[in-house]
Amino acid sequence: DGVVGGVAPPGTTRVTVTTFDGRTL
């Protein structure tokens, strides 16, 4: 839990974060 982040490659229009319990953020 908490703030997560990073750098996405060229061409990216969407980034999702999937949790261990199946949630997609």
mmCIF file of all heavy atoms, coordinates in Angstrom:
data_MODEL
# 
_entry.id   MODEL 
# 
loop_
_atom_site.group_PDB 
_atom_site.id 
_atom_site.type_symbol 
_atom_site.label_atom_id 
_atom_site.label_alt_id 
_atom_site.label_comp_id 
_atom_site.label_asym_id 
_atom_site.label_entity_id 
_atom_site.label_seq_id 
_atom_site.pdbx_PDB_ins_code 
_atom_site.Cartn_x 
_atom_site.Cartn_y 
_atom_site.Cartn_z 
_atom_site.occupancy 
_atom_site.B_iso_or_equiv 
_atom_site.pdbx_formal_charge 
_atom_site.auth_seq_id 
_atom_site.auth_comp_id 
_atom_site.auth_asym_id 
_atom_site.auth_atom_id 
_atom_site.pdbx_PDB_model_num 
ATOM 1   N N   . ASP A 1 1  ? 0.838  -1.188  0.000   1.00 0.00 ? 1  ASP A N   1 
ATOM 2   C CA  . ASP A 1 1  ? 0.000  0.000   0.000   1.00 0.00 ? 1  ASP A CA  1 
ATOM 3   C C   . ASP A 1 1  ? 0.872  1.235   0.000   1.00 0.00 ? 1  ASP A C   1 
ATOM 4   O O   . ASP A 1 1  ? 2.034  1.202   0.349   1.00 0.00 ? 1  ASP A O   1 
ATOM 5   C CB  . ASP A 1 1  ? -0.916 0.016   1.225   1.00 0.00 ? 1  ASP A CB  1 
ATOM 6   C CG  . ASP A 1 1  ? -0.139 0.252   2.511   1.00 0.00 ? 1  ASP A CG  1 
ATOM 7   O OD1 . ASP A 1 1  ? 0.322  -0.733  3.117   1.00 0.00 ? 1  ASP A OD1 1 
ATOM 8   O OD2 . ASP A 1 1  ? 0.012  1.412   2.900   1.00 0.00 ? 1  ASP A OD2 1 
ATOM 9   N N   . GLY A 1 2  ? 0.287  2.361   -0.406  1.00 0.00 ? 2  GLY A N   1 
ATOM 10  C CA  . GLY A 1 2  ? 1.018  3.614   -0.424  1.00 0.00 ? 2  GLY A CA  1 
ATOM 11  C C   . GLY A 1 2  ? 1.158  4.129   -1.841  1.00 0.00 ? 2  GLY A C   1 
ATOM 12  O O   . GLY A 1 2  ? 0.476  3.700   -2.770  1.00 0.00 ? 2  GLY A O   1 
ATOM 13  N N   . VAL A 1 3  ? 2.066  5.103   -2.018  1.00 0.00 ? 3  VAL A N   1 
ATOM 14  C CA  . VAL A 1 3  ? 2.303  5.719   -3.323  1.00 0.00 ? 3  VAL A CA  1 
ATOM 15  C C   . VAL A 1 3  ? 3.264  4.838   -4.117  1.00 0.00 ? 3  VAL A C   1 
ATOM 16  O O   . VAL A 1 3  ? 4.343  4.488   -3.630  1.00 0.00 ? 3  VAL A O   1 
ATOM 17  C CB  . VAL A 1 3  ? 2.886  7.131   -3.163  1.00 0.00 ? 3  VAL A CB  1 
ATOM 18  C CG1 . VAL A 1 3  ? 3.108  7.767   -4.530  1.00 0.00 ? 3  VAL A CG1 1 
ATOM 19  C CG2 . VAL A 1 3  ? 1.966  8.007   -2.316  1.00 0.00 ? 3  VAL A CG2 1 
ATOM 20  N N   . VAL A 1 4  ? 2.865  4.482   -5.317  1.00 0.00 ? 4  VAL A N   1 
ATOM 21  C CA  . VAL A 1 4  ? 3.723  3.716   -6.213  1.00 0.00 ? 4  VAL A CA  1 
ATOM 22  C C   . VAL A 1 4  ? 3.861  4.500   -7.506  1.00 0.00 ? 4  VAL A C   1 
ATOM 23  O O   . VAL A 1 4  ? 2.998  5.308   -7.860  1.00 0.00 ? 4  VAL A O   1 
ATOM 24  C CB  . VAL A 1 4  ? 3.165  2.301   -6.488  1.00 0.00 ? 4  VAL A CB  1 
ATOM 25  C CG1 . VAL A 1 4  ? 3.072  1.505   -5.207  1.00 0.00 ? 4  VAL A CG1 1 
ATOM 26  C CG2 . VAL A 1 4  ? 1.806  2.381   -7.177  1.00 0.00 ? 4  VAL A CG2 1 
ATOM 27  N N   . GLY A 1 5  ? 4.945  4.266   -8.229  1.00 0.00 ? 5  GLY A N   1 
ATOM 28  C CA  . GLY A 1 5  ? 5.134  5.000   -9.471  1.00 0.00 ? 5  GLY A CA  1 
ATOM 29  C C   . GLY A 1 5  ? 6.412  4.623   -10.169 1.00 0.00 ? 5  GLY A C   1 
ATOM 30  O O   . GLY A 1 5  ? 7.211  3.815   -9.679  1.00 0.00 ? 5  GLY A O   1 
ATOM 31  N N   . GLY A 1 6  ? 6.618  5.244   -11.329 1.00 0.00 ? 6  GLY A N   1 
ATOM 32  C CA  . GLY A 1 6  ? 7.803  4.967   -12.114 1.00 0.00 ? 6  GLY A CA  1 
ATOM 33  C C   . GLY A 1 6  ? 7.747  5.698   -13.442 1.00 0.00 ? 6  GLY A C   1 
ATOM 34  O O   . GLY A 1 6  ? 7.123  6.756   -13.557 1.00 0.00 ? 6  GLY A O   1 
ATOM 35  N N   . VAL A 1 7  ? 8.365  5.112   -14.446 1.00 0.00 ? 7  VAL A N   1 
ATOM 36  C CA  . VAL A 1 7  ? 8.451  5.717   -15.776 1.00 0.00 ? 7  VAL A CA  1 
ATOM 37  C C   . VAL A 1 7  ? 7.907  4.730   -16.806 1.00 0.00 ? 7  VAL A C   1 
ATOM 38  O O   . VAL A 1 7  ? 8.292  3.560   -16.819 1.00 0.00 ? 7  VAL A O   1 
ATOM 39  C CB  . VAL A 1 7  ? 9.904  6.098   -16.115 1.00 0.00 ? 7  VAL A CB  1 
ATOM 40  C CG1 . VAL A 1 7  ? 9.995  6.661   -17.527 1.00 0.00 ? 7  VAL A CG1 1 
ATOM 41  C CG2 . VAL A 1 7  ? 10.439 7.110   -15.098 1.00 0.00 ? 7  VAL A CG2 1 
ATOM 42  N N   . ALA A 1 8  ? 6.997  5.219   -17.666 1.00 0.00 ? 8  ALA A N   1 
ATOM 43  C CA  . ALA A 1 8  ? 6.397  4.380   -18.698 1.00 0.00 ? 8  ALA A CA  1 
ATOM 44  C C   . ALA A 1 8  ? 7.081  4.631   -20.041 1.00 0.00 ? 8  ALA A C   1 
ATOM 45  O O   . ALA A 1 8  ? 7.552  5.736   -20.314 1.00 0.00 ? 8  ALA A O   1 
ATOM 46  C CB  . ALA A 1 8  ? 4.907  4.690   -18.810 1.00 0.00 ? 8  ALA A CB  1 
ATOM 47  N N   . PRO A 1 9  ? 7.123  3.616   -20.908 1.00 0.00 ? 9  PRO A N   1 
ATOM 48  C CA  . PRO A 1 9  ? 7.845  3.753   -22.185 1.00 0.00 ? 9  PRO A CA  1 
ATOM 49  C C   . PRO A 1 9  ? 7.106  4.637   -23.179 1.00 0.00 ? 9  PRO A C   1 
ATOM 50  O O   . PRO A 1 9  ? 5.915  4.922   -23.028 1.00 0.00 ? 9  PRO A O   1 
ATOM 51  C CB  . PRO A 1 9  ? 7.913  2.301   -22.683 1.00 0.00 ? 9  PRO A CB  1 
ATOM 52  C CG  . PRO A 1 9  ? 6.746  1.627   -22.053 1.00 0.00 ? 9  PRO A CG  1 
ATOM 53  C CD  . PRO A 1 9  ? 6.593  2.259   -20.697 1.00 0.00 ? 9  PRO A CD  1 
ATOM 54  N N   . PRO A 1 10 ? 7.796  5.087   -24.222 1.00 0.00 ? 10 PRO A N   1 
ATOM 55  C CA  . PRO A 1 10 ? 7.140  5.882   -25.269 1.00 0.00 ? 10 PRO A CA  1 
ATOM 56  C C   . PRO A 1 10 ? 5.929  5.152   -25.845 1.00 0.00 ? 10 PRO A C   1 
ATOM 57  O O   . PRO A 1 10 ? 5.934  3.930   -26.001 1.00 0.00 ? 10 PRO A O   1 
ATOM 58  C CB  . PRO A 1 10 ? 8.243  6.038   -26.324 1.00 0.00 ? 10 PRO A CB  1 
ATOM 59  C CG  . PRO A 1 10 ? 9.521  5.943   -25.550 1.00 0.00 ? 10 PRO A CG  1 
ATOM 60  C CD  . PRO A 1 10 ? 9.253  4.931   -24.475 1.00 0.00 ? 10 PRO A CD  1 
ATOM 61  N N   . GLY A 1 11 ? 4.888  5.916   -26.151 1.00 0.00 ? 11 GLY A N   1 
ATOM 62  C CA  . GLY A 1 11 ? 3.671  5.330   -26.703 1.00 0.00 ? 11 GLY A CA  1 
ATOM 63  C C   . GLY A 1 11 ? 2.647  4.955   -25.659 1.00 0.00 ? 11 GLY A C   1 
ATOM 64  O O   . GLY A 1 11 ? 1.531  4.537   -25.997 1.00 0.00 ? 11 GLY A O   1 
ATOM 65  N N   . THR A 1 12 ? 2.976  5.081   -24.393 1.00 0.00 ? 12 THR A N   1 
ATOM 66  C CA  . THR A 1 12 ? 2.049  4.694   -23.329 1.00 0.00 ? 12 THR A CA  1 
ATOM 67  C C   . THR A 1 12 ? 0.907  5.695   -23.216 1.00 0.00 ? 12 THR A C   1 
ATOM 68  O O   . THR A 1 12 ? 1.117  6.902   -23.182 1.00 0.00 ? 12 THR A O   1 
ATOM 69  C CB  . THR A 1 12 ? 2.775  4.608   -21.974 1.00 0.00 ? 12 THR A CB  1 
ATOM 70  O OG1 . THR A 1 12 ? 3.791  3.605   -22.042 1.00 0.00 ? 12 THR A OG1 1 
ATOM 71  C CG2 . THR A 1 12 ? 1.797  4.264   -20.863 1.00 0.00 ? 12 THR A CG2 1 
ATOM 72  N N   . THR A 1 13 ? -0.313 5.169   -23.174 1.00 0.00 ? 13 THR A N   1 
ATOM 73  C CA  . THR A 1 13 ? -1.493 6.013   -22.918 1.00 0.00 ? 13 THR A CA  1 
ATOM 74  C C   . THR A 1 13 ? -2.231 5.589   -21.661 1.00 0.00 ? 13 THR A C   1 
ATOM 75  O O   . THR A 1 13 ? -3.157 6.281   -21.223 1.00 0.00 ? 13 THR A O   1 
ATOM 76  C CB  . THR A 1 13 ? -2.480 5.955   -24.098 1.00 0.00 ? 13 THR A CB  1 
ATOM 77  O OG1 . THR A 1 13 ? -2.913 4.598   -24.287 1.00 0.00 ? 13 THR A OG1 1 
ATOM 78  C CG2 . THR A 1 13 ? -1.821 6.471   -25.374 1.00 0.00 ? 13 THR A CG2 1 
ATOM 79  N N   . ARG A 1 14 ? -1.830 4.442   -21.088 1.00 0.00 ? 14 ARG A N   1 
ATOM 80  C CA  . ARG A 1 14 ? -2.506 3.939   -19.890 1.00 0.00 ? 14 ARG A CA  1 
ATOM 81  C C   . ARG A 1 14 ? -1.562 3.056   -19.105 1.00 0.00 ? 14 ARG A C   1 
ATOM 82  O O   . ARG A 1 14 ? -0.814 2.272   -19.700 1.00 0.00 ? 14 ARG A O   1 
ATOM 83  C CB  . ARG A 1 14 ? -3.752 3.147   -20.287 1.00 0.00 ? 14 ARG A CB  1 
ATOM 84  C CG  . ARG A 1 14 ? -4.550 2.581   -19.117 1.00 0.00 ? 14 ARG A CG  1 
ATOM 85  C CD  . ARG A 1 14 ? -5.618 1.623   -19.617 1.00 0.00 ? 14 ARG A CD  1 
ATOM 86  N NE  . ARG A 1 14 ? -6.416 1.072   -18.542 1.00 0.00 ? 14 ARG A NE  1 
ATOM 87  C CZ  . ARG A 1 14 ? -7.049 -0.104  -18.566 1.00 0.00 ? 14 ARG A CZ  1 
ATOM 88  N NH1 . ARG A 1 14 ? -6.939 -0.872  -19.657 1.00 0.00 ? 14 ARG A NH1 1 
ATOM 89  N NH2 . ARG A 1 14 ? -7.752 -0.517  -17.533 1.00 0.00 ? 14 ARG A NH2 1 
ATOM 90  N N   . VAL A 1 15 ? -1.585 3.186   -17.787 1.00 0.00 ? 15 VAL A N   1 
ATOM 91  C CA  . VAL A 1 15 ? -0.854 2.278   -16.898 1.00 0.00 ? 15 VAL A CA  1 
ATOM 92  C C   . VAL A 1 15 ? -1.817 1.830   -15.810 1.00 0.00 ? 15 VAL A C   1 
ATOM 93  O O   . VAL A 1 15 ? -2.525 2.645   -15.207 1.00 0.00 ? 15 VAL A O   1 
ATOM 94  C CB  . VAL A 1 15 ? 0.376  2.952   -16.262 1.00 0.00 ? 15 VAL A CB  1 
ATOM 95  C CG1 . VAL A 1 15 ? 0.987  2.049   -15.174 1.00 0.00 ? 15 VAL A CG1 1 
ATOM 96  C CG2 . VAL A 1 15 ? 1.428  3.267   -17.310 1.00 0.00 ? 15 VAL A CG2 1 
ATOM 97  N N   . THR A 1 16 ? -1.868 0.536   -15.576 1.00 0.00 ? 16 THR A N   1 
ATOM 98  C CA  . THR A 1 16 ? -2.690 -0.009  -14.495 1.00 0.00 ? 16 THR A CA  1 
ATOM 99  C C   . THR A 1 16 ? -1.786 -0.642  -13.444 1.00 0.00 ? 16 THR A C   1 
ATOM 100 O O   . THR A 1 16 ? -0.654 -1.064  -13.737 1.00 0.00 ? 16 THR A O   1 
ATOM 101 C CB  . THR A 1 16 ? -3.681 -1.070  -15.006 1.00 0.00 ? 16 THR A CB  1 
ATOM 102 O OG1 . THR A 1 16 ? -2.941 -2.177  -15.552 1.00 0.00 ? 16 THR A OG1 1 
ATOM 103 C CG2 . THR A 1 16 ? -4.602 -0.492  -16.061 1.00 0.00 ? 16 THR A CG2 1 
ATOM 104 N N   . VAL A 1 17 ? -2.309 -0.690  -12.222 1.00 0.00 ? 17 VAL A N   1 
ATOM 105 C CA  . VAL A 1 17 ? -1.621 -1.370  -11.126 1.00 0.00 ? 17 VAL A CA  1 
ATOM 106 C C   . VAL A 1 17 ? -2.566 -2.432  -10.607 1.00 0.00 ? 17 VAL A C   1 
ATOM 107 O O   . VAL A 1 17 ? -3.690 -2.135  -10.177 1.00 0.00 ? 17 VAL A O   1 
ATOM 108 C CB  . VAL A 1 17 ? -1.240 -0.398  -9.992  1.00 0.00 ? 17 VAL A CB  1 
ATOM 109 C CG1 . VAL A 1 17 ? -0.571 -1.147  -8.852  1.00 0.00 ? 17 VAL A CG1 1 
ATOM 110 C CG2 . VAL A 1 17 ? -0.331 0.707   -10.507 1.00 0.00 ? 17 VAL A CG2 1 
ATOM 111 N N   . THR A 1 18 ? -2.149 -3.686  -10.679 1.00 0.00 ? 18 THR A N   1 
ATOM 112 C CA  . THR A 1 18 ? -2.955 -4.812  -10.216 1.00 0.00 ? 18 THR A CA  1 
ATOM 113 C C   . THR A 1 18 ? -2.447 -5.280  -8.867  1.00 0.00 ? 18 THR A C   1 
ATOM 114 O O   . THR A 1 18 ? -1.240 -5.505  -8.688  1.00 0.00 ? 18 THR A O   1 
ATOM 115 C CB  . THR A 1 18 ? -2.908 -5.970  -11.228 1.00 0.00 ? 18 THR A CB  1 
ATOM 116 O OG1 . THR A 1 18 ? -3.302 -5.489  -12.513 1.00 0.00 ? 18 THR A OG1 1 
ATOM 117 C CG2 . THR A 1 18 ? -3.824 -7.104  -10.809 1.00 0.00 ? 18 THR A CG2 1 
ATOM 118 N N   . THR A 1 19 ? -3.366 -5.442  -7.911  1.00 0.00 ? 19 THR A N   1 
ATOM 119 C CA  . THR A 1 19 ? -2.994 -5.854  -6.560  1.00 0.00 ? 19 THR A CA  1 
ATOM 120 C C   . THR A 1 19 ? -3.085 -7.367  -6.422  1.00 0.00 ? 19 THR A C   1 
ATOM 121 O O   . THR A 1 19 ? -3.643 -8.052  -7.288  1.00 0.00 ? 19 THR A O   1 
ATOM 122 C CB  . THR A 1 19 ? -3.912 -5.189  -5.526  1.00 0.00 ? 19 THR A CB  1 
ATOM 123 O OG1 . THR A 1 19 ? -5.246 -5.702  -5.687  1.00 0.00 ? 19 THR A OG1 1 
ATOM 124 C CG2 . THR A 1 19 ? -3.933 -3.668  -5.711  1.00 0.00 ? 19 THR A CG2 1 
ATOM 125 N N   . PHE A 1 20 ? -2.566 -7.853  -5.300  1.00 0.00 ? 20 PHE A N   1 
ATOM 126 C CA  . PHE A 1 20 ? -2.555 -9.300  -5.071  1.00 0.00 ? 20 PHE A CA  1 
ATOM 127 C C   . PHE A 1 20 ? -3.970 -9.872  -5.004  1.00 0.00 ? 20 PHE A C   1 
ATOM 128 O O   . PHE A 1 20 ? -4.192 -11.050 -5.284  1.00 0.00 ? 20 PHE A O   1 
ATOM 129 C CB  . PHE A 1 20 ? -1.818 -9.614  -3.762  1.00 0.00 ? 20 PHE A CB  1 
ATOM 130 C CG  . PHE A 1 20 ? -2.584 -9.218  -2.537  1.00 0.00 ? 20 PHE A CG  1 
ATOM 131 C CD1 . PHE A 1 20 ? -3.430 -10.109 -1.899  1.00 0.00 ? 20 PHE A CD1 1 
ATOM 132 C CD2 . PHE A 1 20 ? -2.488 -7.932  -2.033  1.00 0.00 ? 20 PHE A CD2 1 
ATOM 133 C CE1 . PHE A 1 20 ? -4.143 -9.731  -0.782  1.00 0.00 ? 20 PHE A CE1 1 
ATOM 134 C CE2 . PHE A 1 20 ? -3.193 -7.545  -0.925  1.00 0.00 ? 20 PHE A CE2 1 
ATOM 135 C CZ  . PHE A 1 20 ? -4.034 -8.437  -0.291  1.00 0.00 ? 20 PHE A CZ  1 
ATOM 136 N N   . ASP A 1 21 ? -4.959 -9.042  -4.619  1.00 0.00 ? 21 ASP A N   1 
ATOM 137 C CA  . ASP A 1 21 ? -6.323 -9.532  -4.464  1.00 0.00 ? 21 ASP A CA  1 
ATOM 138 C C   . ASP A 1 21 ? -7.184 -9.263  -5.693  1.00 0.00 ? 21 ASP A C   1 
ATOM 139 O O   . ASP A 1 21 ? -8.406 -9.346  -5.646  1.00 0.00 ? 21 ASP A O   1 
ATOM 140 C CB  . ASP A 1 21 ? -6.978 -8.932  -3.218  1.00 0.00 ? 21 ASP A CB  1 
ATOM 141 C CG  . ASP A 1 21 ? -6.987 -7.409  -3.236  1.00 0.00 ? 21 ASP A CG  1 
ATOM 142 O OD1 . ASP A 1 21 ? -6.352 -6.831  -4.137  1.00 0.00 ? 21 ASP A OD1 1 
ATOM 143 O OD2 . ASP A 1 21 ? -7.613 -6.795  -2.350  1.00 0.00 ? 21 ASP A OD2 1 
ATOM 144 N N   . GLY A 1 22 ? -6.542 -8.897  -6.819  1.00 0.00 ? 22 GLY A N   1 
ATOM 145 C CA  . GLY A 1 22 ? -7.268 -8.779  -8.078  1.00 0.00 ? 22 GLY A CA  1 
ATOM 146 C C   . GLY A 1 22 ? -7.805 -7.405  -8.395  1.00 0.00 ? 22 GLY A C   1 
ATOM 147 O O   . GLY A 1 22 ? -8.445 -7.222  -9.440  1.00 0.00 ? 22 GLY A O   1 
ATOM 148 N N   . ARG A 1 23 ? -7.558 -6.402  -7.557  1.00 0.00 ? 23 ARG A N   1 
ATOM 149 C CA  . ARG A 1 23 ? -8.006 -5.045  -7.878  1.00 0.00 ? 23 ARG A CA  1 
ATOM 150 C C   . ARG A 1 23 ? -7.134 -4.455  -8.986  1.00 0.00 ? 23 ARG A C   1 
ATOM 151 O O   . ARG A 1 23 ? -5.927 -4.684  -9.014  1.00 0.00 ? 23 ARG A O   1 
ATOM 152 C CB  . ARG A 1 23 ? -7.933 -4.144  -6.647  1.00 0.00 ? 23 ARG A CB  1 
ATOM 153 C CG  . ARG A 1 23 ? -8.942 -4.483  -5.562  1.00 0.00 ? 23 ARG A CG  1 
ATOM 154 C CD  . ARG A 1 23 ? -8.661 -3.637  -4.314  1.00 0.00 ? 23 ARG A CD  1 
ATOM 155 N NE  . ARG A 1 23 ? -7.371 -3.972  -3.729  1.00 0.00 ? 23 ARG A NE  1 
ATOM 156 C CZ  . ARG A 1 23 ? -6.674 -3.164  -2.932  1.00 0.00 ? 23 ARG A CZ  1 
ATOM 157 N NH1 . ARG A 1 23 ? -7.122 -1.950  -2.681  1.00 0.00 ? 23 ARG A NH1 1 
ATOM 158 N NH2 . ARG A 1 23 ? -5.522 -3.565  -2.413  1.00 0.00 ? 23 ARG A NH2 1 
ATOM 159 N N   . THR A 1 24 ? -7.762 -3.672  -9.860  1.00 0.00 ? 24 THR A N   1 
ATOM 160 C CA  . THR A 1 24 ? -7.020 -2.972  -10.907 1.00 0.00 ? 24 THR A CA  1 
ATOM 161 C C   . THR A 1 24 ? -7.209 -1.474  -10.709 1.00 0.00 ? 24 THR A C   1 
ATOM 162 O O   . THR A 1 24 ? -8.344 -0.973  -10.732 1.00 0.00 ? 24 THR A O   1 
ATOM 163 C CB  . THR A 1 24 ? -7.492 -3.370  -12.300 1.00 0.00 ? 24 THR A CB  1 
ATOM 164 O OG1 . THR A 1 24 ? -7.248 -4.766  -12.495 1.00 0.00 ? 24 THR A OG1 1 
ATOM 165 C CG2 . THR A 1 24 ? -6.736 -2.591  -13.369 1.00 0.00 ? 24 THR A CG2 1 
ATOM 166 N N   . LEU A 1 25 ? -6.120 -0.771  -10.502 1.00 0.00 ? 25 LEU A N   1 
ATOM 167 C CA  . LEU A 1 25 ? -6.138 0.662   -10.258 1.00 0.00 ? 25 LEU A CA  1 
ATOM 168 C C   . LEU A 1 25 ? -5.558 1.386   -11.457 1.00 0.00 ? 25 LEU A C   1 
ATOM 169 O O   . LEU A 1 25 ? -4.581 0.941   -12.060 1.00 0.00 ? 25 LEU A O   1 
ATOM 170 C CB  . LEU A 1 25 ? -5.310 0.997   -9.010  1.00 0.00 ? 25 LEU A CB  1 
ATOM 171 C CG  . LEU A 1 25 ? -5.642 0.206   -7.739  1.00 0.00 ? 25 LEU A CG  1 
ATOM 172 C CD1 . LEU A 1 25 ? -4.650 0.549   -6.641  1.00 0.00 ? 25 LEU A CD1 1 
ATOM 173 C CD2 . LEU A 1 25 ? -7.061 0.483   -7.293  1.00 0.00 ? 25 LEU A CD2 1 
# 
